Amino acid sequence: MDEIVYTILIADDNLTDRMILSAIVKKMGHIVLSASDGVEAVEQFKEHSPDMILLDVMMPNMNGQEAAVQIKEIAGDAMVPIIFLTSLQDASDLAACLESGGDDFLSKPYNHVILTAKINAFSRMLKMHNILQEQRNVISANAEHMLNEQQVARAVYDNVAHSGCLDLPNLKYLLSPFSVFNGDVLLAARKPSGSVHLLLGDFTGHGLPAAIGAMPLAEIFYGMTAKGFLMEDILREINSKLKNILPVGYFCCACMANLSFRKKEIEVWMGGLPDYYMYRKQSEEVEHVLSTHLPLGVLSSQAFDASTQRLPFDVGDKFFMWSDGIIESRNDNGDLFGEDRLKDIFAKNQDRCVLFDEIVEKVNNFTGESGKDDDTTMLEITMVDEIEIGESAIDLSSGAIHGPTDWKMTYTLRGDTLKTFNPLPVMLNILNDVPSLRRLGGQLYTLMAELFSNAFEHGVLGLSSELKTSTEGFTQYYMERAQRMEHITDGSVCFVFDHQPTAVGGMLLIKVIDTGDGFDYESKQRSDFLSEGYSGRGIPLIKSICESIKYSGNGNTVEVILRWNADDAE
C-alpha cells in the first residue's frame, strides 16, 4: 500500500534549521510549508491546514507556545500533532509547552533518525485518527437515518395499532413502552352489533421486532371486527398470520375479550399471559380467570384452539388485563414485583374505583429509580349500561369496510364462463361482507354449492341425478359431465341476491334461474325429496338450511330464504 503524503509546516526563525528540517521531511516524501515566526505559522495554518507542525519554541513576534494555542483553537476537533523544536531542558518549560497544545519534543541539535521516527509515529496516529473519524461520521449518518426511519415507522405503527376505541368511558389503560416501539399491543374496536372487541398482546421481546408483528395483528383485528366477525374467526386468522410470518421462537401472548352490553357477559380467550382478575361488584369478590391456551403464532391452523370462556358480567363488574411487565417489574435489588404483591393490592383495596390507579402507583413505587426493563401494559374493563357507551360507530379509516345491509344484486354466468370459471368464491366473498353473516360461512357455502350445482349440472348440462344411484353410475355421471362441459356454447345461470335488514337481524333471498328444461318439482315435493343412494340429497340439504325453498316456472327457477339473528353474532 502506498504511503500517505502529509503536509508538514516547519516554523523556525533560523533559516539553517528550516533548511535542514525541510530536507529531512522532503526525503520522507512529505510536502513542506515554512514559517519564520509564530504569526506566520498561524497564517500558514489558516490558509493551508497542514497535517503536522514542527514548531520552534523561541521565535520573534509570537513564540511557539502562543502560536500553538491559536492553532489548536482553529483546528477544533481535528487532530494536528505539534512537535516542539527546543533547546530547553527545564522540566517546567517543557511542561508549559505541552500545556499550550504540544504533543512531543525534538531537542536541538536535530537527530534525523529521531525526527524521522517521530514523524512516522504521528503519521500512524493521524492515519488511525482519520479512519476513526470517517467511521464516526458513517455511524453518525446511519444513526440519524435510522432515527428518521424509526420516527416514520413509529407514526405508521401508532396509526395502525392505536386507531380503535380505547377512549371509551368504561376503559382505563396504561401503555408504557420500554423502547421506541412497544412490544405490547392494546386494541379496542366496536362491532356492528354494538359489542366491543378488546385484545392485549405481548410479543416476544420488545422494540422494532415486536412492533413488526403487531402491525398485521392490528390490521386483522380492526378489519374483521368492523365486518362483524366472531372472536374465534379473528383469533384463527391472527394465529395463522403470525405462524406464517414470525421466525421460530417468536410468538404473541394474548388475551382477547368480547364485551357484550346486551347480554351482560364477557367472552374471553387467553393464551400465554398471566392469570387475570375479575371483580364482582355485587358480591365484592375477586375471581381468577385462568389462561388455558398457548400463545398466538405457536400452533398450526389445524392444531389451534379458539374456544372461549363466557362469563356473566354485570354492571359495575371489572375485568383486569395486563402484560407480564406488571408482575415482572424489578426494583433496585433485582426483585420481581410478583403475583403475591398484586394479589395483596386486590385484597387490601378499599375503593374499587381507584383500584387501577393503585396498581399503577404500587408498581411505580416498587421499581423506583431503577425504571423498567420491559414493556408494561394494563387494561381495566368496567361493565356499564349500553346507553353510556352510545351507538356503535365503526371506524372506516382503519381500512375495514362496513358491509352492506340493504341491497340487491344480479350475477349471471354465460357460455364459456360456465365452462372455465367457478363463481362460488366471488359470490361467497360478496355475501361475507354482510355484517354478522360471516358466521354462517359453512352453511352459505353448502347452500350456494348445491344451488349452483343443481342449476348448472341438471339445468344447463341436462344431467340426470338418477345416474348416481350406484357406484358405477356415480363415475359415469362425472364422465358425462366433463364431456358436456367441453361442448357448452350457450346457456346461462343467473343468481339474484336480495338482502334486507330486519328488526332482529337480516333476511337473504337467493333466486337461481337456469336455461335448462327444468323438472317435475311438484312430484318431488309430494315425495318429500327422499334421498336414495348417491343422489337426491341436495334439495333436502337446502331445506335444512333455509327457512323456505320454492320452485317456479318449469322447475328451472328456485327461490330460497335465509334469515339470521344479530343476537347470535355476539
Protein backbone atom coordinates (compact mmCIF):
# COMPACT_ATOMS: atom_id res chain seq x y z
CA MET A 1 0.00 0.00 0.00
CA ASP A 2 1.30 3.47 -0.90
CA GLU A 3 2.38 5.63 1.99
CA ILE A 4 0.22 8.65 2.73
CA VAL A 5 1.76 12.01 1.86
CA TYR A 6 1.23 14.64 4.55
CA THR A 7 1.70 18.41 4.52
CA ILE A 8 4.09 19.43 7.33
CA LEU A 9 4.58 23.02 8.48
CA ILE A 10 8.08 23.93 9.73
CA ALA A 11 8.11 27.12 11.81
CA ASP A 12 11.61 28.30 12.91
CA ASP A 13 13.25 31.72 12.84
CA ASN A 14 16.61 30.12 11.97
CA LEU A 15 16.94 29.70 8.21
CA THR A 16 19.58 26.99 8.51
CA ASP A 17 17.42 24.91 10.82
CA ARG A 18 14.44 25.29 8.45
CA MET A 19 16.55 24.09 5.53
CA ILE A 20 17.84 21.06 7.46
CA LEU A 21 14.38 20.07 8.63
CA SER A 22 12.88 20.67 5.18
CA ALA A 23 15.44 18.38 3.58
CA ILE A 24 14.67 15.57 6.05
CA VAL A 25 10.89 15.92 5.63
CA LYS A 26 11.06 16.08 1.82
CA LYS A 27 13.27 12.99 1.74
CA MET A 28 10.48 11.18 3.62
CA GLY A 29 8.12 12.10 0.77
CA HIS A 30 6.02 14.73 2.52
CA ILE A 31 5.13 18.28 1.45
CA VAL A 32 6.81 21.15 3.32
CA LEU A 33 5.46 24.56 4.32
CA SER A 34 7.73 27.15 6.03
CA ALA A 35 7.25 29.98 8.52
CA SER A 36 9.81 32.26 10.20
CA ASP A 37 7.79 33.19 13.30
CA GLY A 38 4.64 32.40 15.20
CA VAL A 39 2.46 34.92 13.39
CA GLU A 40 3.41 33.49 10.01
CA ALA A 41 2.88 29.96 11.33
CA VAL A 42 -0.71 30.78 12.33
CA GLU A 43 -1.42 32.39 8.94
CA GLN A 44 0.02 29.37 7.10
CA PHE A 45 -2.17 27.06 9.13
CA LYS A 46 -5.28 29.13 8.38
CA GLU A 47 -4.53 29.10 4.65
CA HIS A 48 -3.25 25.56 4.06
CA SER A 49 -4.39 23.44 7.06
CA PRO A 50 -1.22 21.32 7.31
CA ASP A 51 -1.42 17.84 8.83
CA MET A 52 1.54 18.23 11.22
CA ILE A 53 3.62 21.10 12.64
CA LEU A 54 7.29 21.34 13.67
CA LEU A 55 7.22 24.43 15.88
CA ASP A 56 10.21 26.27 17.38
CA VAL A 57 9.59 27.49 20.92
CA MET A 58 11.65 30.69 20.81
CA MET A 59 10.61 32.92 17.86
CA PRO A 60 10.13 36.70 17.36
CA ASN A 61 6.70 38.42 17.11
CA MET A 62 4.92 35.34 18.52
CA ASN A 63 6.62 32.45 20.29
CA GLY A 64 5.81 28.81 19.71
CA GLN A 65 3.60 28.37 22.77
CA GLU A 66 1.34 31.28 21.78
CA ALA A 67 1.16 30.01 18.22
CA ALA A 68 0.28 26.50 19.43
CA VAL A 69 -2.68 27.82 21.47
CA GLN A 70 -4.14 29.64 18.45
CA ILE A 71 -3.55 26.74 16.07
CA LYS A 72 -5.26 24.23 18.37
CA GLU A 73 -8.21 26.59 18.75
CA ILE A 74 -8.53 26.93 14.98
CA ALA A 75 -8.17 23.16 14.44
CA GLY A 76 -11.06 22.35 16.78
CA ASP A 77 -11.74 18.60 16.83
CA ALA A 78 -9.22 17.93 14.05
CA MET A 79 -6.02 16.16 15.07
CA VAL A 80 -2.99 18.34 14.30
CA PRO A 81 0.16 16.97 16.01
CA ILE A 82 2.61 19.69 17.14
CA ILE A 83 6.26 18.72 17.75
CA PHE A 84 8.09 21.49 19.59
CA LEU A 85 11.66 22.29 18.48
CA THR A 86 13.62 23.41 21.53
CA SER A 87 16.93 23.57 23.34
CA LEU A 88 15.13 23.98 26.65
CA GLN A 89 15.93 21.46 29.34
CA ASP A 90 13.96 22.69 32.36
CA ALA A 91 11.06 20.42 33.20
CA SER A 92 8.68 23.31 33.91
CA ASP A 93 9.45 24.86 30.50
CA LEU A 94 8.79 21.57 28.74
CA ALA A 95 5.54 21.10 30.68
CA ALA A 96 4.40 24.59 29.63
CA CYS A 97 4.91 23.57 26.00
CA LEU A 98 2.68 20.52 26.45
CA GLU A 99 0.02 22.57 28.23
CA SER A 100 -0.09 25.04 25.36
CA GLY A 101 -1.03 22.25 22.92
CA GLY A 102 2.22 20.50 22.09
CA ASP A 103 2.29 16.73 21.58
CA ASP A 104 6.05 15.98 21.64
CA PHE A 105 9.58 17.48 21.68
CA LEU A 106 12.58 17.42 19.42
CA SER A 107 15.78 18.65 21.03
CA LYS A 108 18.39 20.74 19.24
CA PRO A 109 20.71 19.89 17.54
CA TYR A 110 18.37 17.72 15.43
CA ASN A 111 18.88 13.99 15.03
CA HIS A 112 17.38 12.99 11.70
CA VAL A 113 16.79 9.40 12.87
CA ILE A 114 14.74 10.53 15.85
CA LEU A 115 12.93 13.16 13.76
CA THR A 116 12.03 10.57 11.15
CA ALA A 117 10.78 8.16 13.83
CA LYS A 118 8.63 10.85 15.46
CA ILE A 119 7.10 11.94 12.16
CA ASN A 120 6.35 8.30 11.25
CA ALA A 121 4.78 7.69 14.66
CA PHE A 122 2.49 10.69 14.35
CA SER A 123 1.73 9.71 10.75
CA ARG A 124 0.38 6.39 12.04
CA MET A 125 -1.65 8.22 14.66
CA LEU A 126 -3.05 10.57 12.01
CA LYS A 127 -3.98 7.63 9.80
CA MET A 128 -5.76 5.90 12.65
CA HIS A 129 -7.49 9.12 13.67
CA ASN A 130 -8.72 9.78 10.14
CA ILE A 131 -10.07 6.23 9.85
CA LEU A 132 -11.88 6.57 13.18
CA GLN A 133 -13.21 9.97 12.12
CA GLU A 134 -14.61 8.52 8.90
CA GLN A 135 -16.18 5.63 10.79
CA ARG A 136 -17.68 8.03 13.31
CA ASN A 137 -19.16 10.11 10.50
CA VAL A 138 -20.63 6.99 8.89
CA ILE A 139 -22.05 5.80 12.22
CA SER A 140 -23.47 9.25 12.91
CA ALA A 141 -25.10 9.41 9.47
CA ASN A 142 -26.50 5.90 9.85
CA ALA A 143 -27.82 6.73 13.30
CA GLU A 144 -29.55 9.86 12.01
CA HIS A 145 -31.00 7.91 9.09
CA MET A 146 -32.20 5.16 11.42
CA LEU A 147 -33.76 7.72 13.77
CA ASN A 148 -35.67 9.29 10.90
CA GLU A 149 -36.86 5.87 9.74
CA GLN A 150 -37.92 4.96 13.27
CA GLN A 151 -39.90 8.19 13.59
CA VAL A 152 -41.75 7.46 10.35
CA ALA A 153 -42.26 3.81 11.33
CA ARG A 154 -43.49 4.87 14.77
CA ALA A 155 -46.05 7.20 13.21
CA VAL A 156 -47.30 4.40 10.93
CA TYR A 157 -47.34 1.94 13.83
CA ASP A 158 -49.34 4.29 16.07
CA ASN A 159 -51.84 4.99 13.29
CA VAL A 160 -52.39 1.27 12.71
CA ALA A 161 -52.16 -0.14 16.22
CA HIS A 162 -53.86 2.66 18.17
CA SER A 163 -56.71 3.66 15.91
CA GLY A 164 -59.52 1.97 17.83
CA CYS A 165 -61.86 2.99 20.66
CA LEU A 166 -59.62 2.89 23.73
CA ASP A 167 -61.20 6.22 24.69
CA LEU A 168 -64.48 4.56 25.68
CA PRO A 169 -65.61 5.76 29.13
CA ASN A 170 -65.61 2.25 30.61
CA LEU A 171 -61.94 1.61 29.77
CA LYS A 172 -58.79 2.58 31.67
CA TYR A 173 -55.42 1.64 30.24
CA LEU A 174 -51.67 2.03 30.63
CA LEU A 175 -49.19 1.76 27.77
CA SER A 176 -45.60 2.18 28.91
CA PRO A 177 -43.13 1.25 26.16
CA PHE A 178 -39.64 0.14 27.15
CA SER A 179 -38.24 1.33 23.81
CA VAL A 180 -39.32 3.42 20.83
CA PHE A 181 -41.73 0.71 19.79
CA ASN A 182 -43.93 -1.19 22.20
CA GLY A 183 -43.74 -4.98 22.24
CA ASP A 184 -47.15 -4.87 23.89
CA VAL A 185 -50.21 -4.10 21.81
CA LEU A 186 -53.58 -2.94 23.13
CA LEU A 187 -56.51 -2.83 20.70
CA ALA A 188 -60.19 -1.99 21.04
CA ALA A 189 -62.89 -1.82 18.39
CA ARG A 190 -66.68 -1.90 18.28
CA LYS A 191 -68.60 -4.50 16.33
CA PRO A 192 -71.59 -3.64 14.16
CA SER A 193 -73.75 -5.27 16.85
CA GLY A 194 -72.54 -2.72 19.41
CA SER A 195 -70.36 -5.03 21.49
CA VAL A 196 -66.64 -4.31 21.92
CA HIS A 197 -63.67 -6.44 20.96
CA LEU A 198 -60.51 -5.94 23.03
CA LEU A 199 -57.09 -7.52 22.58
CA LEU A 200 -53.97 -7.25 24.72
CA GLY A 201 -50.91 -8.84 23.16
CA ASP A 202 -47.36 -9.26 24.43
CA PHE A 203 -44.88 -10.16 21.69
CA THR A 204 -41.60 -11.92 22.33
CA GLY A 205 -39.01 -9.23 23.12
CA HIS A 206 -39.70 -5.54 22.58
CA GLY A 207 -38.87 -2.72 20.21
CA LEU A 208 -39.00 -2.87 16.41
CA PRO A 209 -39.02 -6.71 16.03
CA ALA A 210 -42.11 -6.93 18.23
CA ALA A 211 -43.80 -3.99 16.52
CA ILE A 212 -43.44 -5.66 13.12
CA GLY A 213 -45.65 -8.50 14.33
CA ALA A 214 -48.14 -6.07 15.86
CA MET A 215 -48.88 -4.40 12.52
CA PRO A 216 -50.62 -7.32 10.74
CA LEU A 217 -52.26 -8.33 14.02
CA ALA A 218 -53.86 -4.90 14.33
CA GLU A 219 -54.95 -4.85 10.69
CA ILE A 220 -56.70 -8.21 11.02
CA PHE A 221 -58.27 -7.28 14.34
CA TYR A 222 -59.75 -3.97 13.19
CA GLY A 223 -60.76 -5.16 9.74
CA MET A 224 -62.54 -8.32 10.83
CA THR A 225 -64.16 -6.71 13.88
CA ALA A 226 -65.66 -3.96 11.71
CA LYS A 227 -67.18 -6.62 9.46
CA GLY A 228 -68.82 -8.44 12.35
CA PHE A 229 -66.56 -11.49 12.51
CA LEU A 230 -66.66 -13.61 15.64
CA MET A 231 -63.78 -13.80 18.10
CA GLU A 232 -62.96 -17.35 17.03
CA ASP A 233 -62.64 -16.30 13.39
CA ILE A 234 -60.40 -13.35 14.25
CA LEU A 235 -58.17 -15.42 16.52
CA ARG A 236 -57.76 -18.13 13.90
CA GLU A 237 -56.82 -15.58 11.26
CA ILE A 238 -54.32 -13.80 13.54
CA ASN A 239 -52.76 -17.09 14.64
CA SER A 240 -52.40 -18.26 11.05
CA LYS A 241 -50.81 -14.95 10.01
CA LEU A 242 -48.33 -14.84 12.89
CA LYS A 243 -47.45 -18.50 12.42
CA ASN A 244 -46.52 -17.75 8.81
CA ILE A 245 -44.52 -14.53 9.33
CA LEU A 246 -42.82 -14.85 12.72
CA PRO A 247 -39.48 -16.70 12.97
CA VAL A 248 -39.12 -19.74 15.21
CA GLY A 249 -39.12 -18.75 18.87
CA TYR A 250 -41.25 -15.64 18.37
CA PHE A 251 -44.92 -15.51 19.29
CA CYS A 252 -47.58 -13.33 20.87
CA CYS A 253 -49.05 -13.99 24.30
CA ALA A 254 -52.53 -12.54 24.17
CA CYS A 255 -55.92 -12.09 25.73
CA MET A 256 -58.93 -11.26 23.59
CA ALA A 257 -62.30 -10.34 25.01
CA ASN A 258 -65.75 -9.63 23.63
CA LEU A 259 -67.75 -7.29 25.85
CA SER A 260 -71.48 -7.69 25.22
CA PHE A 261 -73.57 -4.94 26.78
CA ARG A 262 -76.87 -6.53 25.76
CA LYS A 263 -76.12 -9.97 27.14
CA LYS A 264 -74.21 -8.64 30.16
CA GLU A 265 -71.40 -11.07 29.55
CA ILE A 266 -67.72 -11.09 28.66
CA GLU A 267 -66.25 -13.72 26.36
CA VAL A 268 -62.54 -14.37 26.94
CA TRP A 269 -59.69 -16.18 25.19
CA MET A 270 -56.31 -16.26 26.95
CA GLY A 271 -53.06 -17.69 25.69
CA GLY A 272 -49.67 -17.47 27.42
CA LEU A 273 -50.39 -14.46 29.67
CA PRO A 274 -50.60 -14.38 33.48
CA ASP A 275 -53.95 -15.21 35.06
CA TYR A 276 -56.35 -12.28 35.18
CA TYR A 277 -58.69 -10.99 37.91
CA MET A 278 -62.36 -10.14 37.81
CA TYR A 279 -64.06 -8.04 40.47
CA ARG A 280 -67.74 -8.75 41.18
CA LYS A 281 -69.50 -5.63 42.38
CA GLN A 282 -72.49 -7.38 43.95
CA SER A 283 -70.53 -9.93 45.99
CA GLU A 284 -67.36 -7.79 46.27
CA GLU A 285 -65.37 -10.91 45.47
CA VAL A 286 -62.34 -11.23 43.24
CA GLU A 287 -62.25 -14.17 40.81
CA HIS A 288 -59.32 -15.62 38.90
CA VAL A 289 -59.59 -16.09 35.15
CA LEU A 290 -57.10 -18.72 34.04
CA SER A 291 -55.01 -18.67 30.90
CA THR A 292 -55.71 -22.01 29.19
CA HIS A 293 -54.23 -21.69 25.68
CA LEU A 294 -50.83 -21.43 24.03
CA PRO A 295 -49.76 -18.05 22.61
CA LEU A 296 -50.74 -16.88 19.13
CA GLY A 297 -48.34 -17.92 16.37
CA VAL A 298 -47.20 -21.16 18.03
CA LEU A 299 -49.63 -23.77 16.69
CA SER A 300 -50.62 -24.55 13.14
CA SER A 301 -54.09 -23.62 11.92
CA GLN A 302 -55.20 -27.24 12.32
CA ALA A 303 -54.00 -27.51 15.91
CA PHE A 304 -55.04 -24.04 17.09
CA ASP A 305 -57.81 -23.94 19.69
CA ALA A 306 -60.02 -20.85 19.52
CA SER A 307 -62.50 -21.97 22.18
CA THR A 308 -63.51 -19.23 24.62
CA GLN A 309 -64.85 -18.74 28.14
CA ARG A 310 -68.20 -16.96 28.53
CA LEU A 311 -68.58 -15.24 31.90
CA PRO A 312 -71.51 -13.23 33.31
CA PHE A 313 -70.53 -9.58 33.57
CA ASP A 314 -73.00 -7.33 35.37
CA VAL A 315 -72.99 -3.55 35.57
CA GLY A 316 -70.17 -2.43 37.87
CA ASP A 317 -68.11 -5.60 37.44
CA LYS A 318 -64.49 -5.06 36.45
CA PHE A 319 -62.12 -7.19 34.39
CA PHE A 320 -58.35 -6.57 34.59
CA MET A 321 -55.85 -7.42 31.84
CA TRP A 322 -52.08 -6.90 31.94
CA SER A 323 -48.87 -7.95 30.26
CA ASP A 324 -46.17 -9.78 32.20
CA GLY A 325 -44.37 -6.43 32.51
CA ILE A 326 -46.53 -5.75 35.58
CA ILE A 327 -45.60 -8.77 37.68
CA GLU A 328 -42.04 -8.90 36.28
CA SER A 329 -41.20 -5.29 37.16
CA ARG A 330 -37.96 -5.17 39.19
CA ASN A 331 -36.68 -2.90 41.95
CA ASP A 332 -33.11 -1.72 42.51
CA ASN A 333 -32.22 -5.07 44.08
CA GLY A 334 -33.50 -7.03 41.11
CA ASP A 335 -36.55 -8.38 42.97
CA LEU A 336 -39.74 -9.05 40.99
CA PHE A 337 -42.98 -7.30 41.85
CA GLY A 338 -44.62 -10.71 41.52
CA GLU A 339 -48.17 -12.05 41.74
CA ASP A 340 -48.27 -12.05 45.55
CA ARG A 341 -47.93 -8.25 45.71
CA LEU A 342 -50.61 -7.95 43.03
CA LYS A 343 -52.96 -10.22 44.99
CA ASP A 344 -52.26 -8.17 48.11
CA ILE A 345 -53.41 -4.98 46.36
CA PHE A 346 -56.74 -6.59 45.45
CA ALA A 347 -57.16 -7.95 48.98
CA LYS A 348 -56.46 -4.68 50.78
CA ASN A 349 -58.07 -2.21 48.39
CA GLN A 350 -60.97 -0.30 49.96
CA ASP A 351 -62.20 1.61 46.90
CA ARG A 352 -62.59 -0.36 43.66
CA CYS A 353 -62.97 2.88 41.71
CA VAL A 354 -59.29 3.67 42.25
CA LEU A 355 -58.01 0.09 42.02
CA PHE A 356 -56.42 0.65 38.61
CA ASP A 357 -54.56 3.76 39.77
CA GLU A 358 -53.47 1.97 42.95
CA ILE A 359 -51.90 -0.88 40.96
CA VAL A 360 -50.00 1.59 38.77
CA GLU A 361 -48.81 3.55 41.82
CA LYS A 362 -47.67 0.44 43.69
CA VAL A 363 -45.71 -0.85 40.68
CA ASN A 364 -44.04 2.55 40.10
CA ASN A 365 -43.12 2.88 43.79
CA PHE A 366 -41.67 -0.63 43.74
CA THR A 367 -39.47 -0.09 40.70
CA GLY A 368 -38.30 3.31 41.95
CA GLU A 369 -35.36 4.88 40.17
CA SER A 370 -34.40 1.59 38.52
CA GLY A 371 -37.02 2.17 35.86
CA LYS A 372 -38.47 -0.63 33.78
CA ASP A 373 -36.72 -3.27 31.73
CA ASP A 374 -39.85 -4.49 29.92
CA ASP A 375 -42.96 -3.15 28.21
CA THR A 376 -45.80 -2.58 30.69
CA THR A 377 -49.44 -2.61 29.65
CA MET A 378 -52.63 -2.84 31.70
CA LEU A 379 -56.34 -2.52 30.96
CA GLU A 380 -59.38 -2.19 33.21
CA ILE A 381 -62.79 -3.02 31.68
CA THR A 382 -65.93 -1.97 33.53
CA MET A 383 -69.39 -3.16 32.54
CA VAL A 384 -71.84 -0.29 32.07
CA ASP A 385 -75.25 0.14 30.50
CA GLU A 386 -75.01 0.35 26.73
CA ILE A 387 -76.60 3.80 26.78
CA GLU A 388 -73.45 5.15 28.48
CA ILE A 389 -71.33 3.95 25.57
CA GLY A 390 -73.50 5.32 22.80
CA GLU A 391 -74.20 3.92 19.39
CA SER A 392 -71.61 1.85 17.61
CA ALA A 393 -69.55 3.88 15.17
CA ILE A 394 -67.26 1.71 13.08
CA ASP A 395 -64.06 3.50 12.16
CA LEU A 396 -63.81 3.10 8.41
CA SER A 397 -60.41 4.77 8.39
CA SER A 398 -58.94 1.54 9.73
CA GLY A 399 -59.32 0.07 6.27
CA ALA A 400 -62.22 -2.17 7.15
CA ILE A 401 -65.37 -1.80 5.04
CA HIS A 402 -68.69 -1.91 6.80
CA GLY A 403 -70.68 -4.45 4.86
CA PRO A 404 -73.95 -3.56 3.13
CA THR A 405 -77.27 -4.20 4.86
CA ASP A 406 -79.95 -3.35 2.27
CA TRP A 407 -79.03 -4.34 -1.26
CA LYS A 408 -79.95 -6.39 -4.32
CA MET A 409 -77.63 -7.84 -6.97
CA THR A 410 -77.88 -9.97 -10.09
CA TYR A 411 -74.98 -12.18 -11.12
CA THR A 412 -75.19 -14.05 -14.47
CA LEU A 413 -72.76 -16.55 -15.99
CA ARG A 414 -72.98 -17.49 -19.66
CA GLY A 415 -71.36 -19.75 -22.27
CA ASP A 416 -67.63 -20.26 -21.92
CA THR A 417 -67.60 -18.63 -18.47
CA LEU A 418 -69.59 -21.57 -17.12
CA LYS A 419 -67.02 -23.94 -18.60
CA THR A 420 -63.92 -22.29 -17.19
CA PHE A 421 -64.91 -20.26 -14.12
CA ASN A 422 -66.02 -21.23 -10.62
CA PRO A 423 -68.26 -18.41 -9.35
CA LEU A 424 -68.59 -19.64 -5.76
CA PRO A 425 -65.56 -17.78 -4.27
CA VAL A 426 -66.71 -14.48 -5.82
CA MET A 427 -70.29 -14.81 -4.63
CA LEU A 428 -69.31 -16.00 -1.16
CA ASN A 429 -66.94 -13.05 -0.79
CA ILE A 430 -69.82 -10.71 -1.54
CA LEU A 431 -72.07 -12.44 0.99
CA ASN A 432 -69.33 -12.45 3.63
CA ASP A 433 -69.25 -8.63 3.53
CA VAL A 434 -72.64 -8.62 5.19
CA PRO A 435 -72.14 -7.85 8.92
CA SER A 436 -72.54 -10.99 11.04
CA LEU A 437 -73.48 -13.15 8.03
CA ARG A 438 -69.91 -14.47 8.04
CA ARG A 439 -70.74 -16.73 10.98
CA LEU A 440 -72.91 -18.74 8.56
CA GLY A 441 -69.98 -19.23 6.19
CA GLY A 442 -70.19 -23.03 6.22
CA GLN A 443 -73.93 -23.09 5.64
CA LEU A 444 -73.68 -20.44 2.93
CA TYR A 445 -71.00 -22.42 1.12
CA THR A 446 -73.12 -25.59 1.25
CA LEU A 447 -76.22 -23.71 0.10
CA MET A 448 -74.50 -21.90 -2.77
CA ALA A 449 -72.67 -25.04 -3.89
CA GLU A 450 -75.91 -27.05 -4.05
CA LEU A 451 -77.86 -24.30 -5.82
CA PHE A 452 -75.15 -23.76 -8.43
CA SER A 453 -74.56 -27.48 -8.92
CA ASN A 454 -78.26 -28.16 -9.50
CA ALA A 455 -78.66 -25.23 -11.89
CA PHE A 456 -75.51 -25.97 -13.88
CA GLU A 457 -75.41 -29.75 -13.95
CA HIS A 458 -79.09 -30.64 -14.06
CA GLY A 459 -80.27 -27.46 -15.77
CA VAL A 460 -77.66 -26.26 -18.30
CA LEU A 461 -75.90 -29.61 -18.84
CA GLY A 462 -79.12 -31.64 -18.59
CA LEU A 463 -77.57 -34.39 -16.44
CA SER A 464 -79.92 -36.72 -14.57
CA SER A 465 -79.30 -37.40 -10.89
CA GLU A 466 -80.65 -40.90 -11.43
CA LEU A 467 -77.24 -41.83 -12.84
CA LYS A 468 -75.82 -41.53 -9.32
CA THR A 469 -77.86 -44.35 -7.83
CA SER A 470 -74.83 -46.67 -7.82
CA THR A 471 -71.05 -46.52 -7.65
CA GLU A 472 -70.76 -47.20 -11.38
CA GLY A 473 -73.41 -44.66 -12.19
CA PHE A 474 -71.64 -42.10 -9.99
CA THR A 475 -68.48 -42.48 -12.06
CA GLN A 476 -70.46 -42.36 -15.30
CA TYR A 477 -72.19 -39.18 -14.16
CA TYR A 478 -68.95 -37.24 -13.79
CA MET A 479 -67.52 -38.58 -17.02
CA GLU A 480 -70.65 -37.40 -18.81
CA ARG A 481 -70.40 -34.06 -17.01
CA ALA A 482 -66.84 -33.48 -18.27
CA GLN A 483 -67.82 -34.34 -21.85
CA ARG A 484 -70.84 -32.00 -21.90
CA MET A 485 -68.81 -29.14 -20.40
CA GLU A 486 -66.43 -29.31 -23.33
CA HIS A 487 -69.27 -28.61 -25.74
CA ILE A 488 -71.01 -25.75 -23.96
CA THR A 489 -71.87 -23.00 -26.44
CA ASP A 490 -74.85 -21.32 -24.82
CA GLY A 491 -76.96 -21.48 -21.70
CA SER A 492 -76.69 -19.47 -18.51
CA VAL A 493 -77.13 -19.48 -14.75
CA CYS A 494 -78.41 -16.32 -13.09
CA PHE A 495 -78.18 -15.57 -9.36
CA VAL A 496 -80.33 -12.87 -7.79
CA PHE A 497 -79.41 -11.81 -4.24
CA ASP A 498 -81.77 -9.64 -2.21
CA HIS A 499 -80.62 -8.79 1.33
CA GLN A 500 -82.81 -6.77 3.67
CA PRO A 501 -82.28 -5.83 7.33
CA THR A 502 -84.90 -6.94 9.82
CA ALA A 503 -85.74 -5.92 13.36
CA VAL A 504 -83.63 -8.76 14.77
CA GLY A 505 -81.01 -9.28 12.07
CA GLY A 506 -81.40 -9.76 8.34
CA MET A 507 -83.04 -11.73 5.55
CA LEU A 508 -81.29 -13.03 2.45
CA LEU A 509 -83.32 -14.12 -0.57
CA ILE A 510 -81.46 -16.09 -3.25
CA LYS A 511 -83.09 -16.82 -6.60
CA VAL A 512 -81.35 -19.05 -9.16
CA ILE A 513 -82.53 -19.24 -12.76
CA ASP A 514 -81.04 -21.59 -15.36
CA THR A 515 -81.79 -22.12 -19.04
CA GLY A 516 -82.38 -25.88 -18.73
CA ASP A 517 -85.58 -27.84 -19.32
CA GLY A 518 -86.47 -27.98 -15.64
CA PHE A 519 -88.06 -30.89 -13.78
CA ASP A 520 -91.31 -32.01 -12.21
CA TYR A 521 -90.85 -30.20 -8.93
CA GLU A 522 -94.42 -30.84 -7.81
CA SER A 523 -93.76 -34.58 -7.93
CA LYS A 524 -90.58 -34.09 -5.97
CA GLN A 525 -92.41 -32.08 -3.37
CA ARG A 526 -95.02 -34.84 -2.99
CA SER A 527 -92.29 -37.40 -2.39
CA ASP A 528 -90.71 -35.00 0.12
CA PHE A 529 -87.42 -35.18 -1.73
CA LEU A 530 -86.48 -38.59 -0.37
CA SER A 531 -82.77 -39.38 -0.71
CA GLU A 532 -81.64 -42.58 -2.33
CA GLY A 533 -78.01 -43.70 -2.71
CA TYR A 534 -75.69 -41.02 -4.01
CA SER A 535 -78.44 -38.84 -5.44
CA GLY A 536 -81.37 -36.84 -4.23
CA ARG A 537 -79.62 -35.33 -1.21
CA GLY A 538 -79.23 -31.76 -2.47
CA ILE A 539 -82.81 -30.49 -2.08
CA PRO A 540 -83.32 -31.89 1.46
CA LEU A 541 -79.99 -30.30 2.43
CA ILE A 542 -81.13 -26.93 1.10
CA LYS A 543 -84.39 -27.28 3.02
CA SER A 544 -82.49 -27.96 6.25
CA ILE A 545 -80.52 -24.72 5.91
CA CYS A 546 -83.17 -22.31 4.64
CA GLU A 547 -86.40 -21.02 6.04
CA SER A 548 -88.15 -21.89 2.76
CA ILE A 549 -87.49 -23.23 -0.73
CA LYS A 550 -89.79 -22.51 -3.67
CA TYR A 551 -89.68 -23.68 -7.31
CA SER A 552 -91.46 -21.95 -10.15
CA GLY A 553 -91.76 -21.98 -13.94
CA ASN A 554 -90.89 -25.37 -15.38
CA GLY A 555 -88.64 -26.08 -12.44
CA ASN A 556 -85.66 -24.07 -13.63
CA THR A 557 -86.23 -21.28 -11.12
CA VAL A 558 -85.64 -21.80 -7.39
CA GLU A 559 -86.01 -19.28 -4.60
CA VAL A 560 -84.71 -19.76 -1.03
CA ILE A 561 -84.88 -17.54 2.04
CA LEU A 562 -82.26 -17.46 4.77
CA ARG A 563 -82.70 -15.46 7.95
CA TRP A 564 -80.13 -14.55 10.59
CA ASN A 565 -80.32 -13.04 14.05
CA ALA A 566 -77.91 -10.33 15.18
CA ASP A 567 -78.01 -11.56 18.78
CA ASP A 568 -76.43 -14.83 17.70
CA ALA A 569 -73.38 -12.90 16.47
CA GLU A 570 -72.48 -11.58 19.89
